[in-house]
Amino acid sequence: MAKRKRVENKKKTELDHLKWEVADALDLDDDLAKGGDELTVREAGKIGGNMVKKLVEKGKEAMRQEETGSEGTE
C-alpha cells in the first residue's frame, strides 16, 4: 500500500507543478499563491483548461513516440 501512496503523491506533485506553470504563464500565480481564494471562477477555469490542453498534448506526443518506436521493431 505504501508504494501506491508514493505514486499518487508523485502524480499530485507533477500536477501541482503543471498548475503553477500554467498559472505563471497566465500571470495568475500571485493570486494562486494566496491560497486560490483570490481567483475568480473564470481564472480557475483558465488554469484548469490550459492544464488539460497541456496534458492532452503530452499524451499525443507520447502516442507519436510510441508509434515511431514500434515501427522500428517490425
Foldseek 3Di string as FASTA:
>chain_A
DVVVVVVVVVVVVVLVVLLCVLCVVVVNNVCVVVVVPNDDPVSVVSSVVVSVVVVVVVVVVVVVVVVVVVVVVD
